[in-house]
Amino acid sequence: MEIIDLDKTIRPNRHRERNIWNASWEKDIKKAYDIAENQLPHLTMVGKPEHFPKQMNGTIDIYLERYKTDILNLQIESRRKTITRLATDDFAEKWTGLLPRERQQHILEAIYTASSAGVDFEARRKWCPELTVKGLGEKPQSFFDLLMVLVLGDDGEITHFPNPLVESLWSLLGSRADPLLIAQMKLDRTFFITMVLWRLYLAFHNLPDELYRFEEIGSADKQLRSTLLNDKERKTYEQVRRKLKAAEAGERNRCWGCGKPEALLPSETVFQVCGGCRKINRKILYCSRECQKEDWKTSKGHFLRHKDICGKPIPERDPQYMDVDPPQYLSESNAVLKELLEKVPINIAAEPQTTKENREIQSAANSNIRKAKSGTQVSRDTVKFKTSPSLLYQKRLLKGNDPPDYNLVMQHPESDLGIRIPDPRLRVEFLRARAQAMSDNSVMAVRRMYQILQPFAEHFAPKISSTYDLKKQLKKEYGVDL
């Protein structure tokens, strides 16, 4: 049985007999890859090289570039949302808390929906021998080992999933196949694994599959740009372009009052734009006139009332400085800020050089982040991360043109709170401690961060969440138990 022909095998109907269909795939994949692994040292490829006709090479190359763009967009969105859920919604703990059969059911559903996402998607599974229901669902760590390859990737380039056996087979195929054909095989593998991870994320959090416009709409838009031959096609292009613009607007637009994004509002909703803020190029939207009036009176969820800032420039305090949920940020009277700053302990001594005792404390503290706790305690398994997803999330929040000094991370779906240290000298000290903590998880640096942030957390966090715990957040980010 050749791996390249696995998709040509007649299988049970995946829609009606999902478990039997999956068992058929897993059996054939295991058999084919076991044979390949045993014969690999002596295996040679024979036969005439398989090449595309010269006139097709340009077309295939354009297709692969579009394919890469679609994969990259899918990975960026998957990575961003997965990091957010890991940091704010206890994704790892909830996954660990499931019974093995429950995890396996999620894996099967993800493989099925990924295989059904488009024409010939199922065929791409043949390059993914590690995607088995038991292999990814029996132990929680197995799934997260695969997921973290994607999470730790760079948004600027496609993240591939290493597999020495598959890569060795491609090397042998390269001796008789067109390089473009091998490139497509590699992209097929990357795309299918990414799609499975994405579909599992959606199913686990009970979310609608609204993203996959990247393949069906995103690439269609690019194709139409280069193939507009008549009025009918130009009309089709305009329809697709409007859908894309509407989808992008739906991600950006949300009500400043209730915080709901456009996607969660009734389809007939027309956003009200604050005229005063529009004059100074600040975009404040409301889902209704009533919501705008209510926010004008109470400013629920905002520490600086819209009534006080409407139409007025606020240097370094612009409410659009974060590209996440309607921003929450530090802003109080000078008297309140002075009182909070007085609660910050003075740093009497600089951090000592790392000693054996300090290293032992730090090592013990680092181990705490690996002890993921399940609310139901139905499983003793834990998920271990080489890099804390919570710290990755914090670093993402600190990117941008005008980021806060730190973010108090709230549980999903509450908005996070950006904190700016008002005292310049204390701010410099905090930023130094932050840099050291992010560099080597220094216990002393994290402790100093806590001392500086704690007064602000005590004052502001309860306005968003009554259960916020700064110590717990820093422990999840740095593994330091304060």
Protein backbone atom coordinates (compact mmCIF):
# COMPACT_ATOMS: atom_id res chain seq x y z
CA MET A 1 0.00 0.00 0.00
CA GLU A 2 1.53 3.33 -1.09
CA ILE A 3 1.00 6.41 1.07
CA ILE A 4 0.44 8.57 -1.94
CA ASP A 5 -2.60 6.46 -2.90
CA LEU A 6 -4.25 6.30 0.55
CA ASP A 7 -6.91 8.81 -0.45
CA LYS A 8 -8.03 6.59 -3.35
CA THR A 9 -9.14 3.78 -1.03
CA ILE A 10 -12.90 3.25 -0.82
CA ARG A 11 -13.96 4.02 2.76
CA PRO A 12 -17.19 4.02 4.80
CA ASN A 13 -19.30 7.16 4.54
CA ARG A 14 -17.79 9.64 6.99
CA HIS A 15 -21.10 11.45 7.52
CA ARG A 16 -23.09 8.34 8.50
CA GLU A 17 -20.40 6.05 9.96
CA ARG A 18 -17.86 8.42 11.45
CA ASN A 19 -16.14 6.00 13.83
CA ILE A 20 -15.80 3.24 11.22
CA TRP A 21 -14.58 5.78 8.64
CA ASN A 22 -11.90 7.02 11.03
CA ALA A 23 -10.84 3.48 11.99
CA SER A 24 -10.39 2.70 8.29
CA TRP A 25 -8.11 5.71 7.84
CA GLU A 26 -6.07 4.99 10.96
CA LYS A 27 -5.58 1.31 10.05
CA ASP A 28 -4.38 2.09 6.52
CA ILE A 29 -2.14 4.98 7.60
CA LYS A 30 -0.46 2.84 10.27
CA LYS A 31 0.10 -0.03 7.85
CA ALA A 32 1.51 2.21 5.12
CA TYR A 33 3.84 4.17 7.41
CA ASP A 34 5.01 1.04 9.25
CA ILE A 35 6.04 -0.47 5.91
CA ALA A 36 7.71 2.77 4.85
CA GLU A 37 9.62 3.09 8.14
CA ASN A 38 10.92 -0.49 7.99
CA GLN A 39 12.02 -0.17 4.36
CA LEU A 40 13.25 3.42 4.50
CA PRO A 41 17.01 2.66 4.80
CA HIS A 42 16.84 0.52 1.64
CA LEU A 43 14.00 2.27 -0.16
CA THR A 44 14.66 3.85 -3.55
CA MET A 45 12.28 5.57 -5.89
CA VAL A 46 12.13 4.20 -9.42
CA GLY A 47 10.25 5.20 -12.52
CA LYS A 48 10.11 8.30 -14.65
CA PRO A 49 10.17 11.67 -12.86
CA GLU A 50 6.72 13.19 -12.43
CA HIS A 51 6.67 16.78 -13.68
CA PHE A 52 4.00 19.27 -14.54
CA PRO A 53 3.90 20.39 -18.17
CA LYS A 54 5.97 23.55 -18.61
CA GLN A 55 2.94 25.63 -19.49
CA MET A 56 1.35 24.71 -16.14
CA ASN A 57 4.27 25.58 -13.88
CA GLY A 58 3.38 29.26 -13.71
CA THR A 59 -0.25 28.52 -12.85
CA ILE A 60 0.69 26.01 -10.13
CA ASP A 61 3.18 28.45 -8.64
CA ILE A 62 0.49 31.16 -8.39
CA TYR A 63 -1.87 28.64 -6.78
CA LEU A 64 0.75 27.70 -4.16
CA GLU A 65 1.31 31.34 -3.26
CA ARG A 66 -2.43 31.76 -2.68
CA TYR A 67 -2.45 28.52 -0.71
CA LYS A 68 0.37 29.81 1.51
CA THR A 69 -1.53 33.03 2.18
CA ASP A 70 -4.65 31.13 3.22
CA ILE A 71 -2.66 28.86 5.54
CA LEU A 72 -0.83 31.82 7.07
CA ASN A 73 -4.08 33.67 7.76
CA LEU A 74 -5.65 30.57 9.30
CA GLN A 75 -2.62 30.05 11.54
CA ILE A 76 -2.51 33.67 12.68
CA GLU A 77 -6.16 33.61 13.70
CA SER A 78 -5.87 30.18 15.34
CA ARG A 79 -2.75 31.20 17.26
CA ARG A 80 -4.21 34.48 18.50
CA LYS A 81 -7.45 32.97 19.74
CA THR A 82 -5.82 29.88 21.24
CA ILE A 83 -3.34 31.96 23.25
CA THR A 84 -6.21 34.10 24.51
CA ARG A 85 -8.21 31.09 25.70
CA LEU A 86 -5.17 29.47 27.30
CA ALA A 87 -4.48 32.65 29.25
CA THR A 88 -7.99 33.80 30.14
CA ASP A 89 -10.28 30.76 30.06
CA ASP A 90 -8.27 27.88 31.58
CA PHE A 91 -8.29 25.99 28.26
CA ALA A 92 -5.47 23.65 29.37
CA GLU A 93 -7.08 22.92 32.72
CA LYS A 94 -10.47 22.22 31.15
CA TRP A 95 -8.95 19.92 28.52
CA THR A 96 -6.99 18.07 31.21
CA GLY A 97 -10.14 17.68 33.29
CA LEU A 98 -11.95 15.72 30.58
CA LEU A 99 -12.10 11.95 30.58
CA PRO A 100 -9.98 10.32 27.83
CA ARG A 101 -13.09 9.24 25.92
CA GLU A 102 -14.36 12.85 26.00
CA ARG A 103 -11.08 14.16 24.63
CA GLN A 104 -11.10 11.47 21.95
CA GLN A 105 -14.59 12.50 20.92
CA HIS A 106 -13.40 16.09 20.44
CA ILE A 107 -10.43 14.87 18.37
CA LEU A 108 -12.66 12.73 16.15
CA GLU A 109 -15.06 15.62 15.60
CA ALA A 110 -12.19 17.94 14.66
CA ILE A 111 -10.72 15.44 12.16
CA TYR A 112 -14.15 14.86 10.65
CA THR A 113 -15.02 18.55 10.26
CA ALA A 114 -11.56 19.33 8.86
CA SER A 115 -11.98 16.51 6.32
CA SER A 116 -15.41 17.87 5.36
CA ALA A 117 -14.40 21.54 5.10
CA GLY A 118 -13.93 21.46 1.33
CA VAL A 119 -13.46 19.37 -1.78
CA ASP A 120 -10.62 16.83 -1.42
CA PHE A 121 -9.70 18.02 2.08
CA GLU A 122 -9.87 14.44 3.34
CA ALA A 123 -7.05 13.44 0.98
CA ARG A 124 -4.61 15.70 2.82
CA ARG A 125 -4.85 13.47 5.89
CA LYS A 126 -2.50 10.92 4.31
CA TRP A 127 0.50 13.10 5.22
CA CYS A 128 -0.51 13.31 8.91
CA PRO A 129 0.17 9.93 10.58
CA GLU A 130 0.23 11.50 14.07
CA LEU A 131 -3.43 12.58 13.80
CA THR A 132 -5.07 9.62 15.52
CA VAL A 133 -8.00 9.78 17.91
CA LYS A 134 -6.32 7.73 20.64
CA GLY A 135 -2.88 9.24 20.15
CA LEU A 136 -4.11 12.81 20.67
CA GLY A 137 -6.94 12.09 23.10
CA GLU A 138 -5.62 9.46 25.51
CA LYS A 139 -3.21 11.81 27.30
CA PRO A 140 -3.84 15.58 27.41
CA GLN A 141 -0.15 16.33 26.87
CA SER A 142 -0.14 14.77 23.37
CA PHE A 143 -2.63 17.26 21.98
CA PHE A 144 -0.91 20.24 23.61
CA ASP A 145 2.52 19.19 22.32
CA LEU A 146 1.09 19.52 18.80
CA LEU A 147 -0.87 22.68 19.61
CA MET A 148 2.15 24.47 21.08
CA VAL A 149 4.08 24.03 17.82
CA LEU A 150 1.46 26.32 16.29
CA VAL A 151 1.17 28.64 19.31
CA LEU A 152 4.93 29.29 19.45
CA GLY A 153 5.14 30.04 15.73
CA ASP A 154 5.77 33.44 14.17
CA ASP A 155 2.84 35.36 12.70
CA GLY A 156 5.05 36.43 9.80
CA GLU A 157 5.68 32.95 8.39
CA ILE A 158 3.97 29.58 8.04
CA THR A 159 4.54 27.20 10.95
CA HIS A 160 5.17 23.61 9.85
CA PHE A 161 4.81 20.52 12.04
CA PRO A 162 8.02 18.43 11.99
CA ASN A 163 7.79 14.68 11.38
CA PRO A 164 11.10 12.97 10.46
CA LEU A 165 9.47 9.97 8.76
CA VAL A 166 7.21 12.06 6.52
CA GLU A 167 10.08 14.40 5.66
CA SER A 168 12.32 11.44 4.75
CA LEU A 169 9.67 10.14 2.38
CA TRP A 170 9.40 13.54 0.73
CA SER A 171 13.17 13.60 0.26
CA LEU A 172 12.98 10.31 -1.62
CA LEU A 173 10.00 11.48 -3.65
CA GLY A 174 11.99 14.56 -4.57
CA SER A 175 14.22 12.46 -6.80
CA ARG A 176 11.38 11.69 -9.19
CA ALA A 177 8.78 14.42 -8.64
CA ASP A 178 8.49 18.07 -9.54
CA PRO A 179 9.56 20.39 -6.67
CA LEU A 180 6.19 22.13 -6.92
CA LEU A 181 4.46 18.79 -6.29
CA ILE A 182 6.54 18.21 -3.15
CA ALA A 183 5.84 21.78 -2.03
CA GLN A 184 2.11 21.15 -2.34
CA MET A 185 2.39 17.94 -0.29
CA LYS A 186 4.12 19.85 2.49
CA LEU A 187 1.47 22.57 2.43
CA ASP A 188 -1.30 19.94 2.43
CA ARG A 189 0.11 18.46 5.64
CA THR A 190 0.50 21.86 7.32
CA PHE A 191 -2.95 22.97 6.26
CA PHE A 192 -4.72 19.82 7.44
CA ILE A 193 -3.10 19.78 10.89
CA THR A 194 -3.82 23.50 11.32
CA MET A 195 -7.42 22.97 10.28
CA VAL A 196 -7.85 20.11 12.78
CA LEU A 197 -6.46 22.29 15.59
CA TRP A 198 -8.75 25.14 14.54
CA ARG A 199 -11.85 22.95 14.34
CA LEU A 200 -11.13 21.44 17.75
CA TYR A 201 -10.79 24.94 19.22
CA LEU A 202 -14.19 25.88 17.78
CA ALA A 203 -15.96 22.71 18.90
CA PHE A 204 -14.45 22.74 22.39
CA HIS A 205 -15.59 26.32 23.02
CA ASN A 206 -18.90 25.86 21.21
CA LEU A 207 -18.13 28.60 18.68
CA PRO A 208 -19.47 29.01 15.13
CA ASP A 209 -17.11 28.37 12.24
CA GLU A 210 -17.02 31.87 10.82
CA LEU A 211 -13.30 32.01 9.98
CA TYR A 212 -12.97 29.73 7.03
CA ARG A 213 -13.60 32.54 4.62
CA PHE A 214 -9.80 32.51 4.14
CA GLU A 215 -10.06 29.58 1.70
CA GLU A 216 -13.51 30.15 0.30
CA ILE A 217 -13.68 33.95 0.22
CA GLY A 218 -10.14 35.21 0.82
CA SER A 219 -8.49 33.29 -2.00
CA ALA A 220 -11.51 33.77 -4.25
CA ASP A 221 -10.99 37.51 -3.93
CA LYS A 222 -7.38 37.21 -5.11
CA GLN A 223 -8.29 34.88 -7.96
CA LEU A 224 -10.96 37.22 -9.25
CA ARG A 225 -8.58 40.16 -9.29
CA SER A 226 -6.50 38.42 -11.95
CA THR A 227 -9.33 36.85 -13.98
CA LEU A 228 -11.91 39.60 -14.52
CA LEU A 229 -12.95 38.88 -18.11
CA ASN A 230 -16.47 40.26 -18.37
CA ASP A 231 -19.18 42.23 -16.59
CA LYS A 232 -20.57 39.15 -14.86
CA GLU A 233 -17.20 38.31 -13.33
CA ARG A 234 -16.62 41.92 -12.30
CA LYS A 235 -20.00 41.91 -10.57
CA THR A 236 -19.07 38.70 -8.75
CA TYR A 237 -15.80 40.27 -7.65
CA GLU A 238 -17.59 43.28 -6.19
CA GLN A 239 -19.91 40.99 -4.25
CA VAL A 240 -16.95 39.10 -2.78
CA ARG A 241 -15.14 42.34 -1.96
CA ARG A 242 -18.18 43.65 -0.08
CA LYS A 243 -18.35 40.40 1.91
CA LEU A 244 -14.70 40.75 2.84
CA LYS A 245 -15.12 44.35 3.94
CA ALA A 246 -18.19 43.45 5.96
CA ALA A 247 -16.35 40.59 7.64
CA GLU A 248 -13.40 42.82 8.52
CA ALA A 249 -15.71 45.52 9.87
CA GLY A 250 -17.51 42.95 11.98
CA GLU A 251 -14.23 42.12 13.71
CA ARG A 252 -13.32 45.76 14.40
CA ASN A 253 -16.65 47.35 15.26
CA ARG A 254 -18.05 46.96 18.74
CA CYS A 255 -20.25 49.01 21.00
CA TRP A 256 -18.40 51.25 23.43
CA GLY A 257 -21.27 50.96 25.89
CA CYS A 258 -22.16 47.27 26.17
CA GLY A 259 -18.95 45.97 24.54
CA LYS A 260 -20.71 43.65 22.07
CA PRO A 261 -18.97 43.16 18.69
CA GLU A 262 -20.97 43.63 15.51
CA ALA A 263 -21.09 39.86 14.96
CA LEU A 264 -23.13 39.40 18.15
CA LEU A 265 -25.58 42.20 17.43
CA PRO A 266 -28.78 41.91 15.36
CA SER A 267 -28.13 42.13 11.62
CA GLU A 268 -30.22 45.30 11.34
CA THR A 269 -28.02 47.16 13.87
CA VAL A 270 -26.68 50.50 12.62
CA PHE A 271 -23.85 51.86 14.76
CA GLN A 272 -24.20 55.35 16.19
CA VAL A 273 -20.97 57.36 15.92
CA CYS A 274 -20.09 59.92 18.61
CA GLY A 275 -19.93 63.22 16.73
CA GLY A 276 -17.78 64.98 19.32
CA CYS A 277 -15.08 62.33 19.24
CA ARG A 278 -15.22 62.03 15.46
CA LYS A 279 -14.05 65.65 15.19
CA ILE A 280 -10.73 64.70 16.79
CA ASN A 281 -10.44 61.40 14.86
CA ARG A 282 -11.39 59.21 17.81
CA LYS A 283 -13.79 56.43 16.84
CA ILE A 284 -16.46 55.74 19.48
CA LEU A 285 -19.37 53.53 18.35
CA TYR A 286 -22.66 52.61 20.03
CA CYS A 287 -25.10 49.90 19.02
CA SER A 288 -28.10 52.11 19.78
CA ARG A 289 -29.09 55.56 20.93
CA GLU A 290 -30.25 54.06 24.23
CA CYS A 291 -26.85 52.43 24.84
CA GLN A 292 -25.13 55.74 24.13
CA LYS A 293 -27.36 57.59 26.60
CA GLU A 294 -26.81 54.97 29.29
CA ASP A 295 -23.02 55.07 28.81
CA TRP A 296 -23.09 58.87 28.99
CA LYS A 297 -24.75 58.61 32.39
CA THR A 298 -22.90 55.70 33.97
CA SER A 299 -19.86 54.77 31.81
CA LYS A 300 -20.09 51.18 33.02
CA GLY A 301 -16.86 49.30 32.36
CA HIS A 302 -14.82 52.48 31.78
CA PHE A 303 -12.75 54.23 34.43
CA LEU A 304 -12.79 57.52 32.55
CA ARG A 305 -16.29 58.67 31.68
CA HIS A 306 -17.02 59.31 28.03
CA LYS A 307 -18.80 62.44 29.19
CA ASP A 308 -15.47 63.77 30.48
CA ILE A 309 -13.39 63.00 27.39
CA CYS A 310 -15.87 63.56 24.56
CA GLY A 311 -14.19 65.67 21.89
CA LYS A 312 -11.11 66.30 24.05
CA PRO A 313 -7.59 65.08 23.21
CA ILE A 314 -6.03 62.98 25.97
CA PRO A 315 -2.24 62.70 25.54
CA GLU A 316 -1.09 59.12 26.13
CA ARG A 317 -4.54 58.22 27.39
CA ASP A 318 -6.41 57.76 24.13
CA PRO A 319 -9.05 55.08 24.60
CA GLN A 320 -7.99 53.44 21.33
CA TYR A 321 -4.49 52.55 22.52
CA MET A 322 -5.31 48.85 22.72
CA ASP A 323 -6.62 46.87 19.78
CA VAL A 324 -8.52 44.42 21.96
CA ASP A 325 -11.88 44.73 23.70
CA PRO A 326 -13.25 48.20 24.52
CA PRO A 327 -10.26 49.46 26.49
CA GLN A 328 -10.06 49.55 30.24
CA TYR A 329 -7.25 51.74 31.51
CA LEU A 330 -5.89 53.55 34.51
CA SER A 331 -7.28 57.04 35.05
CA GLU A 332 -8.16 58.59 38.38
CA SER A 333 -7.73 61.90 40.17
CA ASN A 334 -4.23 62.95 41.23
CA ALA A 335 -5.20 62.45 44.87
CA VAL A 336 -6.23 58.85 44.27
CA LEU A 337 -3.09 58.13 42.24
CA LYS A 338 -0.90 59.65 44.93
CA GLU A 339 -2.59 57.50 47.56
CA LEU A 340 -2.03 54.37 45.47
CA LEU A 341 1.63 55.20 44.84
CA GLU A 342 2.20 55.63 48.57
CA LYS A 343 1.16 51.99 49.05
CA VAL A 344 4.02 50.73 46.87
CA PRO A 345 6.88 49.50 49.12
CA ILE A 346 10.24 51.19 48.61
CA ASN A 347 12.81 48.95 46.98
CA ILE A 348 15.51 49.17 49.64
CA ALA A 349 18.05 46.83 48.05
CA ALA A 350 18.77 45.85 44.50
CA GLU A 351 18.19 42.24 43.55
CA PRO A 352 21.09 40.08 44.75
CA GLN A 353 23.11 37.91 42.43
CA THR A 354 21.58 34.49 41.86
CA THR A 355 22.64 32.17 44.66
CA LYS A 356 22.19 28.44 45.06
CA GLU A 357 19.28 29.11 47.42
CA ASN A 358 17.67 31.55 44.99
CA ARG A 359 18.08 29.07 42.13
CA GLU A 360 16.39 26.37 44.19
CA ILE A 361 13.50 28.70 45.04
CA GLN A 362 13.20 29.69 41.40
CA SER A 363 13.28 26.06 40.23
CA ALA A 364 10.56 25.11 42.68
CA ALA A 365 8.48 28.11 41.65
CA ASN A 366 8.86 27.30 37.96
CA SER A 367 7.45 23.82 38.56
CA ASN A 368 4.19 25.30 39.86
CA ILE A 369 3.04 26.40 36.43
CA ARG A 370 3.11 22.78 35.32
CA LYS A 371 0.55 21.73 37.89
CA ALA A 372 -2.58 22.48 35.90
CA LYS A 373 -5.58 21.98 38.14
CA SER A 374 -8.88 20.58 36.98
CA GLY A 375 -12.05 21.90 38.58
CA THR A 376 -13.53 18.40 38.70
CA GLN A 377 -10.25 16.55 39.34
CA VAL A 378 -11.46 13.65 37.17
CA SER A 379 -7.95 13.18 35.78
CA ARG A 380 -4.54 13.22 37.45
CA ASP A 381 -2.86 14.15 34.18
CA THR A 382 -1.33 17.58 33.82
CA VAL A 383 -0.19 19.60 30.84
CA LYS A 384 3.38 20.91 30.85
CA PHE A 385 4.43 23.97 28.84
CA LYS A 386 8.00 24.90 28.01
CA THR A 387 6.73 28.43 27.43
CA SER A 388 3.83 29.83 29.44
CA PRO A 389 0.84 30.63 27.18
CA SER A 390 -0.20 33.27 29.73
CA LEU A 391 3.12 35.07 29.27
CA LEU A 392 2.77 34.83 25.48
CA TYR A 393 -0.65 36.45 25.84
CA GLN A 394 0.78 39.22 28.03
CA LYS A 395 3.51 39.94 25.49
CA ARG A 396 0.93 40.20 22.72
CA LEU A 397 -1.07 42.71 24.75
CA LEU A 398 2.09 44.78 25.29
CA LYS A 399 2.67 45.16 21.55
CA GLY A 400 1.47 48.19 19.65
CA ASN A 401 2.20 51.88 19.25
CA ASP A 402 1.16 52.94 22.74
CA PRO A 403 0.86 49.92 25.03
CA PRO A 404 0.29 50.07 28.79
CA ASP A 405 3.07 49.08 31.18
CA TYR A 406 1.25 45.88 32.12
CA ASN A 407 -2.12 44.21 31.79
CA LEU A 408 -4.26 42.73 34.52
CA VAL A 409 -5.70 39.70 32.72
CA MET A 410 -9.33 38.92 33.50
CA GLN A 411 -11.12 35.64 33.01
CA HIS A 412 -12.95 35.29 29.70
CA PRO A 413 -15.12 37.08 28.63
CA GLU A 414 -14.22 40.12 30.79
CA SER A 415 -12.04 42.85 29.28
CA ASP A 416 -8.42 43.05 30.42
CA LEU A 417 -7.16 46.12 32.26
CA GLY A 418 -4.15 48.06 31.00
CA ILE A 419 -2.09 49.71 33.76
CA ARG A 420 0.26 52.66 33.34
CA ILE A 421 2.57 53.55 36.23
CA PRO A 422 2.06 57.32 36.72
CA ASP A 423 5.31 58.01 38.62
CA PRO A 424 8.24 58.19 36.12
CA ARG A 425 10.92 56.83 38.47
CA LEU A 426 8.73 53.99 39.69
CA ARG A 427 7.76 53.24 36.09
CA VAL A 428 11.42 52.83 35.08
CA GLU A 429 11.95 50.47 38.02
CA PHE A 430 8.88 48.46 37.03
CA LEU A 431 9.93 48.18 33.39
CA ARG A 432 13.37 46.93 34.44
CA ALA A 433 11.81 44.31 36.70
CA ARG A 434 9.42 43.32 33.91
CA ALA A 435 12.27 42.88 31.42
CA GLN A 436 14.25 40.72 33.84
CA ALA A 437 11.22 38.60 34.75
CA MET A 438 10.43 37.98 31.09
CA SER A 439 14.06 37.12 30.43
CA ASP A 440 14.74 34.54 33.16
CA ASN A 441 11.68 34.24 35.44
CA SER A 442 13.60 35.97 38.24
CA VAL A 443 11.77 35.45 41.53
CA MET A 444 12.93 38.81 42.90
CA ALA A 445 11.90 40.65 39.74
CA VAL A 446 8.43 39.10 39.75
CA ARG A 447 8.07 39.93 43.44
CA ARG A 448 8.92 43.58 42.75
CA MET A 449 6.42 43.68 39.89
CA TYR A 450 3.79 42.39 42.29
CA GLN A 451 4.63 45.04 44.90
CA ILE A 452 4.25 47.83 42.35
CA LEU A 453 1.10 46.50 40.68
CA GLN A 454 -0.77 45.35 43.78
CA PRO A 455 -2.16 48.76 44.93
CA PHE A 456 -3.50 49.44 41.44
CA ALA A 457 -4.95 45.93 41.17
CA GLU A 458 -6.72 46.31 44.52
CA HIS A 459 -8.23 49.62 43.45
CA PHE A 460 -9.20 48.97 39.83
CA ALA A 461 -9.67 45.22 39.30
CA PRO A 462 -12.84 44.87 41.46
CA LYS A 463 -14.61 47.26 39.07
CA ILE A 464 -14.30 44.55 36.41
CA SER A 465 -14.08 41.28 38.34
CA SER A 466 -14.60 40.40 41.98
CA THR A 467 -12.46 37.26 41.63
CA TYR A 468 -9.29 38.75 40.10
CA ASP A 469 -6.07 37.58 41.78
CA LEU A 470 -2.76 39.26 40.83
CA LYS A 471 -0.67 36.54 42.49
CA LYS A 472 -2.46 33.87 40.48
CA GLN A 473 -1.88 35.78 37.23
CA LEU A 474 1.86 36.21 37.85
CA LYS A 475 2.14 32.54 38.82
CA LYS A 476 0.55 31.49 35.52
CA GLU A 477 2.86 33.82 33.60
CA TYR A 478 6.20 33.22 35.34
CA GLY A 479 5.70 30.11 37.49
CA VAL A 480 6.53 32.11 40.61
CA ASP A 481 4.46 31.37 43.72
CA LEU A 482 4.39 34.61 45.72
